[in-house]
Amino acid sequence: MIEIPKFCVDKFKTAFGYEPSFIQIKMDNDERIEKLTSKSRTIWFSSVFRYNGVFIKEKLVEYDAMGIYIYILRDDESPITDVTFMTTIDRQSVSEFTIHNLNKSK
């Protein structure tokens, strides 16, 4: 399991009043990640400027205002991206449904 930055977890706890539950997946398709987060509110990101533009290494987005944040960690040396859903217990099934639909769209 990758380590989520403490301030990301703290932000979740402040917003929802609970410790988050985690669901981690690995994805190899940036287009699906962009589609997943395209309508989400970006809370924080860390980027590096490259010759071909900005490379976002880490990103925290509010996927669902009722209890789902997504933490994204990219490694520029690997095509695999770590995607972690932080969710309240009552939004866990929404997270699992979203992941199921992502896996179907391969």
PDB file of N, CA and C in Angstrom:
ATOM      1  N   MET A   1       0.850  -1.177   0.000  1.00  0.00           N
ATOM      2  CA  MET A   1       0.000   0.000   0.000  1.00  0.00           C
ATOM      3  C   MET A   1       0.896   1.240   0.000  1.00  0.00           C
ATOM      4  N   ILE A   2       0.598   2.170  -0.893  1.00  0.00           N
ATOM      5  CA  ILE A   2       1.373   3.406  -0.914  1.00  0.00           C
ATOM      6  C   ILE A   2       0.973   4.280   0.269  1.00  0.00           C
ATOM      7  N   GLU A   3       1.872   5.129   0.669  1.00  0.00           N
ATOM      8  CA  GLU A   3       1.593   6.011   1.796  1.00  0.00           C
ATOM      9  C   GLU A   3       0.984   7.315   1.286  1.00  0.00           C
ATOM     10  N   ILE A   4      -0.167   7.643   1.805  1.00  0.00           N
ATOM     11  CA  ILE A   4      -0.859   8.886   1.466  1.00  0.00           C
ATOM     12  C   ILE A   4      -0.270   9.988   2.345  1.00  0.00           C
ATOM     13  N   PRO A   5       0.061  11.153   1.774  1.00  0.00           N
ATOM     14  CA  PRO A   5       0.576  12.242   2.614  1.00  0.00           C
ATOM     15  C   PRO A   5      -0.394  12.570   3.752  1.00  0.00           C
ATOM     16  N   LYS A   6       0.170  12.812   4.922  1.00  0.00           N
ATOM     17  CA  LYS A   6      -0.635  13.066   6.119  1.00  0.00           C
ATOM     18  C   LYS A   6      -1.589  14.239   5.935  1.00  0.00           C
ATOM     19  N   PHE A   7      -1.140  15.304   5.272  1.00  0.00           N
ATOM     20  CA  PHE A   7      -2.023  16.462   5.111  1.00  0.00           C
ATOM     21  C   PHE A   7      -3.230  16.137   4.238  1.00  0.00           C
ATOM     22  N   CYS A   8      -3.122  15.159   3.333  1.00  0.00           N
ATOM     23  CA  CYS A   8      -4.275  14.738   2.523  1.00  0.00           C
ATOM     24  C   CYS A   8      -5.294  14.012   3.392  1.00  0.00           C
ATOM     25  N   VAL A   9      -4.795  13.138   4.262  1.00  0.00           N
ATOM     26  CA  VAL A   9      -5.681  12.423   5.182  1.00  0.00           C
ATOM     27  C   VAL A   9      -6.318  13.415   6.160  1.00  0.00           C
ATOM     28  N   ASP A  10      -5.512  14.357   6.650  1.00  0.00           N
ATOM     29  CA  ASP A  10      -6.041  15.373   7.577  1.00  0.00           C
ATOM     30  C   ASP A  10      -7.119  16.224   6.916  1.00  0.00           C
ATOM     31  N   LYS A  11      -6.924  16.562   5.652  1.00  0.00           N
ATOM     32  CA  LYS A  11      -7.925  17.346   4.907  1.00  0.00           C
ATOM     33  C   LYS A  11      -9.248  16.574   4.834  1.00  0.00           C
ATOM     34  N   PHE A  12      -9.151  15.275   4.569  1.00  0.00           N
ATOM     35  CA  PHE A  12     -10.343  14.421   4.525  1.00  0.00           C
ATOM     36  C   PHE A  12     -11.036  14.407   5.885  1.00  0.00           C
ATOM     37  N   LYS A  13     -10.256  14.197   6.940  1.00  0.00           N
ATOM     38  CA  LYS A  13     -10.838  14.140   8.293  1.00  0.00           C
ATOM     39  C   LYS A  13     -11.504  15.458   8.676  1.00  0.00           C
ATOM     40  N   THR A  14     -10.904  16.567   8.280  1.00  0.00           N
ATOM     41  CA  THR A  14     -11.497  17.878   8.558  1.00  0.00           C
ATOM     42  C   THR A  14     -12.816  18.045   7.800  1.00  0.00           C
ATOM     43  N   ALA A  15     -12.837  17.606   6.549  1.00  0.00           N
ATOM     44  CA  ALA A  15     -14.029  17.776   5.718  1.00  0.00           C
ATOM     45  C   ALA A  15     -15.188  16.890   6.151  1.00  0.00           C
ATOM     46  N   PHE A  16     -14.890  15.652   6.576  1.00  0.00           N
ATOM     47  CA  PHE A  16     -15.968  14.690   6.817  1.00  0.00           C
ATOM     48  C   PHE A  16     -16.079  14.216   8.269  1.00  0.00           C
ATOM     49  N   GLY A  17     -15.111  14.569   9.099  1.00  0.00           N
ATOM     50  CA  GLY A  17     -15.187  14.220  10.509  1.00  0.00           C
ATOM     51  C   GLY A  17     -14.856  12.783  10.851  1.00  0.00           C
ATOM     52  N   TYR A  18     -14.349  12.025   9.889  1.00  0.00           N
ATOM     53  CA  TYR A  18     -14.031  10.615  10.093  1.00  0.00           C
ATOM     54  C   TYR A  18     -12.669  10.292   9.501  1.00  0.00           C
ATOM     55  N   GLU A  19     -12.066   9.214  10.018  1.00  0.00           N
ATOM     56  CA  GLU A  19     -10.883   8.642   9.375  1.00  0.00           C
ATOM     57  C   GLU A  19     -11.347   8.030   8.049  1.00  0.00           C
ATOM     58  N   PRO A  20     -10.564   8.194   6.985  1.00  0.00           N
ATOM     59  CA  PRO A  20     -10.982   7.598   5.717  1.00  0.00           C
ATOM     60  C   PRO A  20     -10.707   6.101   5.654  1.00  0.00           C
ATOM     61  N   SER A  21     -11.520   5.415   4.872  1.00  0.00           N
ATOM     62  CA  SER A  21     -11.221   4.052   4.451  1.00  0.00           C
ATOM     63  C   SER A  21     -10.528   4.180   3.103  1.00  0.00           C
ATOM     64  N   PHE A  22      -9.657   3.223   2.775  1.00  0.00           N
ATOM     65  CA  PHE A  22      -8.860   3.323   1.554  1.00  0.00           C
ATOM     66  C   PHE A  22      -9.145   2.162   0.616  1.00  0.00           C
ATOM     67  N   ILE A  23      -9.249   2.487  -0.661  1.00  0.00           N
ATOM     68  CA  ILE A  23      -9.327   1.480  -1.718  1.00  0.00           C
ATOM     69  C   ILE A  23      -8.276   1.890  -2.747  1.00  0.00           C
ATOM     70  N   GLN A  24      -7.263   1.043  -2.948  1.00  0.00           N
ATOM     71  CA  GLN A  24      -6.191   1.390  -3.875  1.00  0.00           C
ATOM     72  C   GLN A  24      -6.243   0.499  -5.101  1.00  0.00           C
ATOM     73  N   ILE A  25      -6.018   1.142  -6.241  1.00  0.00           N
ATOM     74  CA  ILE A  25      -5.934   0.412  -7.500  1.00  0.00           C
ATOM     75  C   ILE A  25      -4.737   0.945  -8.276  1.00  0.00           C
ATOM     76  N   LYS A  26      -4.285   0.175  -9.227  1.00  0.00           N
ATOM     77  CA  LYS A  26      -3.221   0.596 -10.135  1.00  0.00           C
ATOM     78  C   LYS A  26      -3.829   0.699 -11.518  1.00  0.00           C
ATOM     79  N   MET A  27      -3.527   1.795 -12.210  1.00  0.00           N
ATOM     80  CA  MET A  27      -4.092   2.007 -13.545  1.00  0.00           C
ATOM     81  C   MET A  27      -2.960   2.287 -14.529  1.00  0.00           C
ATOM     82  N   ASP A  28      -3.157   1.857 -15.753  1.00  0.00           N
ATOM     83  CA  ASP A  28      -2.145   2.073 -16.783  1.00  0.00           C
ATOM     84  C   ASP A  28      -2.670   2.925 -17.941  1.00  0.00           C
ATOM     85  N   ASN A  29      -3.739   3.657 -17.688  1.00  0.00           N
ATOM     86  CA  ASN A  29      -4.358   4.440 -18.746  1.00  0.00           C
ATOM     87  C   ASN A  29      -4.694   5.839 -18.228  1.00  0.00           C
ATOM     88  N   ASP A  30      -3.867   6.820 -18.618  1.00  0.00           N
ATOM     89  CA  ASP A  30      -4.080   8.192 -18.153  1.00  0.00           C
ATOM     90  C   ASP A  30      -5.400   8.781 -18.648  1.00  0.00           C
ATOM     91  N   GLU A  31      -5.879   8.339 -19.797  1.00  0.00           N
ATOM     92  CA  GLU A  31      -7.154   8.849 -20.321  1.00  0.00           C
ATOM     93  C   GLU A  31      -8.307   8.482 -19.394  1.00  0.00           C
ATOM     94  N   ARG A  32      -8.291   7.273 -18.874  1.00  0.00           N
ATOM     95  CA  ARG A  32      -9.351   6.863 -17.937  1.00  0.00           C
ATOM     96  C   ARG A  32      -9.262   7.641 -16.632  1.00  0.00           C
ATOM     97  N   ILE A  33      -8.049   7.929 -16.189  1.00  0.00           N
ATOM     98  CA  ILE A  33      -7.875   8.715 -14.965  1.00  0.00           C
ATOM     99  C   ILE A  33      -8.398  10.128 -15.194  1.00  0.00           C
ATOM    100  N   GLU A  34      -8.083  10.708 -16.326  1.00  0.00           N
ATOM    101  CA  GLU A  34      -8.565  12.055 -16.640  1.00  0.00           C
ATOM    102  C   GLU A  34     -10.091  12.081 -16.744  1.00  0.00           C
ATOM    103  N   LYS A  35     -10.657  11.055 -17.352  1.00  0.00           N
ATOM    104  CA  LYS A  35     -12.124  10.974 -17.447  1.00  0.00           C
ATOM    105  C   LYS A  35     -12.741  10.854 -16.053  1.00  0.00           C
ATOM    106  N   LEU A  36     -12.107  10.056 -15.195  1.00  0.00           N
ATOM    107  CA  LEU A  36     -12.588   9.860 -13.828  1.00  0.00           C
ATOM    108  C   LEU A  36     -12.615  11.176 -13.058  1.00  0.00           C
ATOM    109  N   THR A  37     -11.594  11.991 -13.231  1.00  0.00           N
ATOM    110  CA  THR A  37     -11.449  13.206 -12.423  1.00  0.00           C
ATOM    111  C   THR A  37     -11.832  14.488 -13.153  1.00  0.00           C
ATOM    112  N   SER A  38     -12.315  14.398 -14.363  1.00  0.00           N
ATOM    113  CA  SER A  38     -12.576  15.599 -15.169  1.00  0.00           C
ATOM    114  C   SER A  38     -13.619  16.543 -14.553  1.00  0.00           C
ATOM    115  N   LYS A  39     -14.564  16.005 -13.822  1.00  0.00           N
ATOM    116  CA  LYS A  39     -15.600  16.846 -13.219  1.00  0.00           C
ATOM    117  C   LYS A  39     -15.389  17.021 -11.715  1.00  0.00           C
ATOM    118  N   SER A  40     -14.217  16.604 -11.257  1.00  0.00           N
ATOM    119  CA  SER A  40     -13.893  16.693  -9.838  1.00  0.00           C
ATOM    120  C   SER A  40     -13.174  18.001  -9.542  1.00  0.00           C
ATOM    121  N   ARG A  41     -13.232  18.400  -8.284  1.00  0.00           N
ATOM    122  CA  ARG A  41     -12.556  19.619  -7.850  1.00  0.00           C
ATOM    123  C   ARG A  41     -11.159  19.254  -7.354  1.00  0.00           C
ATOM    124  N   THR A  42     -10.138  19.845  -7.981  1.00  0.00           N
ATOM    125  CA  THR A  42      -8.771  19.611  -7.538  1.00  0.00           C
ATOM    126  C   THR A  42      -8.521  20.400  -6.259  1.00  0.00           C
ATOM    127  N   ILE A  43      -8.052  19.702  -5.237  1.00  0.00           N
ATOM    128  CA  ILE A  43      -7.760  20.322  -3.948  1.00  0.00           C
ATOM    129  C   ILE A  43      -6.282  20.697  -3.878  1.00  0.00           C
ATOM    130  N   TRP A  44      -5.422  19.831  -4.405  1.00  0.00           N
ATOM    131  CA  TRP A  44      -3.979  20.034  -4.315  1.00  0.00           C
ATOM    132  C   TRP A  44      -3.288  19.226  -5.402  1.00  0.00           C
ATOM    133  N   PHE A  45      -2.141  19.721  -5.882  1.00  0.00           N
ATOM    134  CA  PHE A  45      -1.321  18.932  -6.796  1.00  0.00           C
ATOM    135  C   PHE A  45       0.138  19.331  -6.660  1.00  0.00           C
ATOM    136  N   SER A  46       1.001  18.442  -7.105  1.00  0.00           N
ATOM    137  CA  SER A  46       2.434  18.677  -7.156  1.00  0.00           C
ATOM    138  C   SER A  46       2.872  18.343  -8.573  1.00  0.00           C
ATOM    139  N   SER A  47       3.569  19.280  -9.229  1.00  0.00           N
ATOM    140  CA  SER A  47       3.932  19.064 -10.623  1.00  0.00           C
ATOM    141  C   SER A  47       5.407  19.369 -10.864  1.00  0.00           C
ATOM    142  N   VAL A  48       5.876  18.913 -12.014  1.00  0.00           N
ATOM    143  CA  VAL A  48       7.236  19.152 -12.475  1.00  0.00           C
ATOM    144  C   VAL A  48       7.124  19.660 -13.904  1.00  0.00           C
ATOM    145  N   PHE A  49       7.881  20.706 -14.222  1.00  0.00           N
ATOM    146  CA  PHE A  49       7.874  21.207 -15.593  1.00  0.00           C
ATOM    147  C   PHE A  49       8.868  20.404 -16.415  1.00  0.00           C
ATOM    148  N   ARG A  50       8.413  19.885 -17.539  1.00  0.00           N
ATOM    149  CA  ARG A  50       9.233  19.099 -18.457  1.00  0.00           C
ATOM    150  C   ARG A  50       9.302  19.829 -19.793  1.00  0.00           C
ATOM    151  N   TYR A  51      10.178  19.362 -20.651  1.00  0.00           N
ATOM    152  CA  TYR A  51      10.327  19.973 -21.983  1.00  0.00           C
ATOM    153  C   TYR A  51       9.028  19.949 -22.775  1.00  0.00           C
ATOM    154  N   ASN A  52       8.172  18.970 -22.530  1.00  0.00           N
ATOM    155  CA  ASN A  52       6.915  18.856 -23.273  1.00  0.00           C
ATOM    156  C   ASN A  52       5.712  19.336 -22.473  1.00  0.00           C
ATOM    157  N   GLY A  53       5.949  20.060 -21.369  1.00  0.00           N
ATOM    158  CA  GLY A  53       4.844  20.605 -20.587  1.00  0.00           C
ATOM    159  C   GLY A  53       4.938  20.225 -19.127  1.00  0.00           C
ATOM    160  N   VAL A  54       3.847  20.408 -18.440  1.00  0.00           N
ATOM    161  CA  VAL A  54       3.790  20.141 -17.009  1.00  0.00           C
ATOM    162  C   VAL A  54       3.393  18.684 -16.771  1.00  0.00           C
ATOM    163  N   PHE A  55       4.132  18.013 -15.914  1.00  0.00           N
ATOM    164  CA  PHE A  55       3.843  16.637 -15.522  1.00  0.00           C
ATOM    165  C   PHE A  55       3.342  16.669 -14.080  1.00  0.00           C
ATOM    166  N   ILE A  56       2.096  16.296 -13.867  1.00  0.00           N
ATOM    167  CA  ILE A  56       1.523  16.279 -12.522  1.00  0.00           C
ATOM    168  C   ILE A  56       1.874  14.947 -11.871  1.00  0.00           C
ATOM    169  N   LYS A  57       2.682  15.020 -10.808  1.00  0.00           N
ATOM    170  CA  LYS A  57       3.137  13.815 -10.108  1.00  0.00           C
ATOM    171  C   LYS A  57       2.132  13.324  -9.080  1.00  0.00           C
ATOM    172  N   GLU A  58       1.536  14.252  -8.339  1.00  0.00           N
ATOM    173  CA  GLU A  58       0.573  13.908  -7.303  1.00  0.00           C
ATOM    174  C   GLU A  58      -0.614  14.849  -7.404  1.00  0.00           C
ATOM    175  N   LYS A  59      -1.773  14.315  -7.023  1.00  0.00           N
ATOM    176  CA  LYS A  59      -2.982  15.130  -7.107  1.00  0.00           C
ATOM    177  C   LYS A  59      -4.005  14.599  -6.112  1.00  0.00           C
ATOM    178  N   LEU A  60      -4.691  15.522  -5.451  1.00  0.00           N
ATOM    179  CA  LEU A  60      -5.789  15.166  -4.561  1.00  0.00           C
ATOM    180  C   LEU A  60      -7.037  15.858  -5.088  1.00  0.00           C
ATOM    181  N   VAL A  61      -8.075  15.082  -5.356  1.00  0.00           N
ATOM    182  CA  VAL A  61      -9.315  15.657  -5.877  1.00  0.00           C
ATOM    183  C   VAL A  61     -10.497  15.249  -5.004  1.00  0.00           C
ATOM    184  N   GLU A  62     -11.484  16.120  -4.964  1.00  0.00           N
ATOM    185  CA  GLU A  62     -12.750  15.805  -4.311  1.00  0.00           C
ATOM    186  C   GLU A  62     -13.645  15.218  -5.397  1.00  0.00           C
ATOM    187  N   TYR A  63     -13.819  13.906  -5.358  1.00  0.00           N
ATOM    188  CA  TYR A  63     -14.633  13.225  -6.367  1.00  0.00           C
ATOM    189  C   TYR A  63     -16.116  13.363  -6.049  1.00  0.00           C
ATOM    190  N   ASP A  64     -16.436  13.294  -4.772  1.00  0.00           N
ATOM    191  CA  ASP A  64     -17.823  13.342  -4.329  1.00  0.00           C
ATOM    192  C   ASP A  64     -17.869  14.151  -3.043  1.00  0.00           C
ATOM    193  N   ALA A  65     -18.608  15.234  -3.051  1.00  0.00           N
ATOM    194  CA  ALA A  65     -18.655  16.133  -1.897  1.00  0.00           C
ATOM    195  C   ALA A  65     -19.267  15.487  -0.661  1.00  0.00           C
ATOM    196  N   MET A  66     -19.866  14.321  -0.821  1.00  0.00           N
ATOM    197  CA  MET A  66     -20.487  13.629   0.309  1.00  0.00           C
ATOM    198  C   MET A  66     -19.542  12.627   0.980  1.00  0.00           C
ATOM    199  N   GLY A  67     -18.296  12.482   0.468  1.00  0.00           N
ATOM    200  CA  GLY A  67     -17.385  11.599   1.176  1.00  0.00           C
ATOM    201  C   GLY A  67     -16.396  10.799   0.368  1.00  0.00           C
ATOM    202  N   ILE A  68     -15.954  11.311  -0.802  1.00  0.00           N
ATOM    203  CA  ILE A  68     -14.939  10.584  -1.572  1.00  0.00           C
ATOM    204  C   ILE A  68     -13.884  11.553  -2.080  1.00  0.00           C
ATOM    205  N   TYR A  69     -12.645  11.317  -1.676  1.00  0.00           N
ATOM    206  CA  TYR A  69     -11.485  11.991  -2.251  1.00  0.00           C
ATOM    207  C   TYR A  69     -10.687  10.941  -3.013  1.00  0.00           C
ATOM    208  N   ILE A  70      -9.971  11.388  -4.032  1.00  0.00           N
ATOM    209  CA  ILE A  70      -9.088  10.490  -4.776  1.00  0.00           C
ATOM    210  C   ILE A  70      -7.687  11.084  -4.764  1.00  0.00           C
ATOM    211  N   TYR A  71      -6.722  10.274  -4.333  1.00  0.00           N
ATOM    212  CA  TYR A  71      -5.312  10.657  -4.344  1.00  0.00           C
ATOM    213  C   TYR A  71      -4.645   9.910  -5.492  1.00  0.00           C
ATOM    214  N   ILE A  72      -3.959  10.650  -6.367  1.00  0.00           N
ATOM    215  CA  ILE A  72      -3.324  10.071  -7.550  1.00  0.00           C
ATOM    216  C   ILE A  72      -1.818  10.296  -7.442  1.00  0.00           C
ATOM    217  N   LEU A  73      -1.049   9.222  -7.622  1.00  0.00           N
ATOM    218  CA  LEU A  73       0.405   9.289  -7.569  1.00  0.00           C
ATOM    219  C   LEU A  73       0.970   8.694  -8.852  1.00  0.00           C
ATOM    220  N   ARG A  74       1.668   9.532  -9.612  1.00  0.00           N
ATOM    221  CA  ARG A  74       2.269   9.096 -10.874  1.00  0.00           C
ATOM    222  C   ARG A  74       3.785   9.033 -10.721  1.00  0.00           C
ATOM    223  N   ASP A  75       4.364   8.053 -11.367  1.00  0.00           N
ATOM    224  CA  ASP A  75       5.812   7.922 -11.435  1.00  0.00           C
ATOM    225  C   ASP A  75       6.199   8.123 -12.897  1.00  0.00           C
ATOM    226  N   ASP A  76       7.027   9.134 -13.163  1.00  0.00           N
ATOM    227  CA  ASP A  76       7.361   9.417 -14.560  1.00  0.00           C
ATOM    228  C   ASP A  76       8.239   8.334 -15.184  1.00  0.00           C
ATOM    229  N   GLU A  77       8.714   7.392 -14.392  1.00  0.00           N
ATOM    230  CA  GLU A  77       9.516   6.284 -14.904  1.00  0.00           C
ATOM    231  C   GLU A  77       8.671   5.050 -15.226  1.00  0.00           C
ATOM    232  N   SER A  78       7.407   5.081 -14.846  1.00  0.00           N
ATOM    233  CA  SER A  78       6.553   3.909 -15.003  1.00  0.00           C
ATOM    234  C   SER A  78       5.216   4.306 -15.631  1.00  0.00           C
ATOM    235  N   PRO A  79       4.634   3.432 -16.450  1.00  0.00           N
ATOM    236  CA  PRO A  79       3.310   3.721 -17.018  1.00  0.00           C
ATOM    237  C   PRO A  79       2.165   3.465 -16.035  1.00  0.00           C
ATOM    238  N   ILE A  80       2.482   2.922 -14.863  1.00  0.00           N
ATOM    239  CA  ILE A  80       1.459   2.590 -13.875  1.00  0.00           C
ATOM    240  C   ILE A  80       1.241   3.769 -12.935  1.00  0.00           C
ATOM    241  N   THR A  81      -0.030   4.089 -12.692  1.00  0.00           N
ATOM    242  CA  THR A  81      -0.408   5.164 -11.779  1.00  0.00           C
ATOM    243  C   THR A  81      -1.160   4.559 -10.601  1.00  0.00           C
ATOM    244  N   ASP A  82      -0.779   4.981  -9.391  1.00  0.00           N
ATOM    245  CA  ASP A  82      -1.483   4.542  -8.185  1.00  0.00           C
ATOM    246  C   ASP A  82      -2.655   5.486  -7.942  1.00  0.00           C
ATOM    247  N   VAL A  83      -3.838   4.922  -7.792  1.00  0.00           N
ATOM    248  CA  VAL A  83      -5.047   5.696  -7.536  1.00  0.00           C
ATOM    249  C   VAL A  83      -5.656   5.178  -6.233  1.00  0.00           C
ATOM    250  N   THR A  84      -5.825   6.083  -5.275  1.00  0.00           N
ATOM    251  CA  THR A  84      -6.361   5.694  -3.973  1.00  0.00           C
ATOM    252  C   THR A  84      -7.648   6.457  -3.698  1.00  0.00           C
ATOM    253  N   PHE A  85      -8.714   5.722  -3.491  1.00  0.00           N
ATOM    254  CA  PHE A  85      -9.983   6.306  -3.082  1.00  0.00           C
ATOM    255  C   PHE A  85      -9.973   6.399  -1.564  1.00  0.00           C
ATOM    256  N   MET A  86     -10.198   7.586  -1.041  1.00  0.00           N
ATOM    257  CA  MET A  86     -10.401   7.773   0.394  1.00  0.00           C
ATOM    258  C   MET A  86     -11.884   8.034   0.553  1.00  0.00           C
ATOM    259  N   THR A  87     -12.537   7.225   1.369  1.00  0.00           N
ATOM    260  CA  THR A  87     -13.990   7.286   1.415  1.00  0.00           C
ATOM    261  C   THR A  87     -14.513   7.128   2.837  1.00  0.00           C
ATOM    262  N   THR A  88     -15.675   7.702   3.075  1.00  0.00           N
ATOM    263  CA  THR A  88     -16.383   7.416   4.312  1.00  0.00           C
ATOM    264  C   THR A  88     -17.055   6.053   4.127  1.00  0.00           C
ATOM    265  N   ILE A  89     -17.374   5.410   5.224  1.00  0.00           N
ATOM    266  CA  ILE A  89     -17.976   4.069   5.157  1.00  0.00           C
ATOM    267  C   ILE A  89     -19.258   4.071   4.324  1.00  0.00           C
ATOM    268  N   ASP A  90     -20.081   5.089   4.472  1.00  0.00           N
ATOM    269  CA  ASP A  90     -21.354   5.106   3.750  1.00  0.00           C
ATOM    270  C   ASP A  90     -21.199   5.404   2.260  1.00  0.00           C
ATOM    271  N   ARG A  91     -19.998   5.811   1.798  1.00  0.00           N
ATOM    272  CA  ARG A  91     -19.768   6.055   0.366  1.00  0.00           C
ATOM    273  C   ARG A  91     -18.882   4.974  -0.253  1.00  0.00           C
ATOM    274  N   GLN A  92     -18.576   3.944   0.514  1.00  0.00           N
ATOM    275  CA  GLN A  92     -17.706   2.882   0.021  1.00  0.00           C
ATOM    276  C   GLN A  92     -18.285   2.190  -1.207  1.00  0.00           C
ATOM    277  N   SER A  93     -19.575   1.906  -1.207  1.00  0.00           N
ATOM    278  CA  SER A  93     -20.185   1.212  -2.341  1.00  0.00           C
ATOM    279  C   SER A  93     -20.130   2.073  -3.610  1.00  0.00           C
ATOM    280  N   VAL A  94     -20.212   3.399  -3.459  1.00  0.00           N
ATOM    281  CA  VAL A  94     -20.088   4.290  -4.622  1.00  0.00           C
ATOM    282  C   VAL A  94     -18.677   4.183  -5.197  1.00  0.00           C
ATOM    283  N   SER A  95     -17.685   4.153  -4.324  1.00  0.00           N
ATOM    284  CA  SER A  95     -16.293   4.005  -4.772  1.00  0.00           C
ATOM    285  C   SER A  95     -16.098   2.681  -5.494  1.00  0.00           C
ATOM    286  N   GLU A  96     -16.598   1.610  -4.922  1.00  0.00           N
ATOM    287  CA  GLU A  96     -16.459   0.289  -5.535  1.00  0.00           C
ATOM    288  C   GLU A  96     -17.172   0.221  -6.880  1.00  0.00           C
ATOM    289  N   PHE A  97     -18.341   0.833  -6.990  1.00  0.00           N
ATOM    290  CA  PHE A  97     -19.071   0.883  -8.261  1.00  0.00           C
ATOM    291  C   PHE A  97     -18.268   1.660  -9.310  1.00  0.00           C
ATOM    292  N   THR A  98     -17.674   2.768  -8.910  1.00  0.00           N
ATOM    293  CA  THR A  98     -16.861   3.575  -9.821  1.00  0.00           C
ATOM    294  C   THR A  98     -15.660   2.771 -10.319  1.00  0.00           C
ATOM    295  N   ILE A  99     -14.999   2.070  -9.418  1.00  0.00           N
ATOM    296  CA  ILE A  99     -13.850   1.246  -9.806  1.00  0.00           C
ATOM    297  C   ILE A  99     -14.288   0.131 -10.744  1.00  0.00           C
ATOM    298  N   HIS A 100     -15.414  -0.489 -10.455  1.00  0.00           N
ATOM    299  CA  HIS A 100     -15.943  -1.545 -11.327  1.00  0.00           C
ATOM    300  C   HIS A 100     -16.178  -1.006 -12.742  1.00  0.00           C
ATOM    301  N   ASN A 101     -16.773   0.183 -12.837  1.00  0.00           N
ATOM    302  CA  ASN A 101     -17.016   0.775 -14.155  1.00  0.00           C
ATOM    303  C   ASN A 101     -15.716   1.157 -14.863  1.00  0.00           C
ATOM    304  N   LEU A 102     -14.717   1.589 -14.123  1.00  0.00           N
ATOM    305  CA  LEU A 102     -13.415   1.880 -14.720  1.00  0.00           C
ATOM    306  C   LEU A 102     -12.804   0.630 -15.317  1.00  0.00           C
ATOM    307  N   ASN A 103     -12.894  -0.467 -14.580  1.00  0.00           N
ATOM    308  CA  ASN A 103     -12.320  -1.725 -15.059  1.00  0.00           C
ATOM    309  C   ASN A 103     -13.066  -2.260 -16.276  1.00  0.00           C
ATOM    310  N   LYS A 104     -14.350  -1.995 -16.364  1.00  0.00           N
ATOM    311  CA  LYS A 104     -15.133  -2.429 -17.533  1.00  0.00           C
ATOM    312  C   LYS A 104     -14.760  -1.634 -18.783  1.00  0.00           C
ATOM    313  N   SER A 105     -14.292  -0.418 -18.630  1.00  0.00           N
ATOM    314  CA  SER A 105     -14.028   0.442 -19.790  1.00  0.00           C
ATOM    315  C   SER A 105     -12.629   0.277 -20.360  1.00  0.00           C
ATOM    316  N   LYS A 106     -11.956  -0.810 -20.036  1.00  0.00           N
ATOM    317  CA  LYS A 106     -10.596  -1.047 -20.541  1.00  0.00           C
ATOM    318  C   LYS A 106     -10.562  -1.170 -22.043  1.00  0.00           C
TER     319      LYS A 106
END
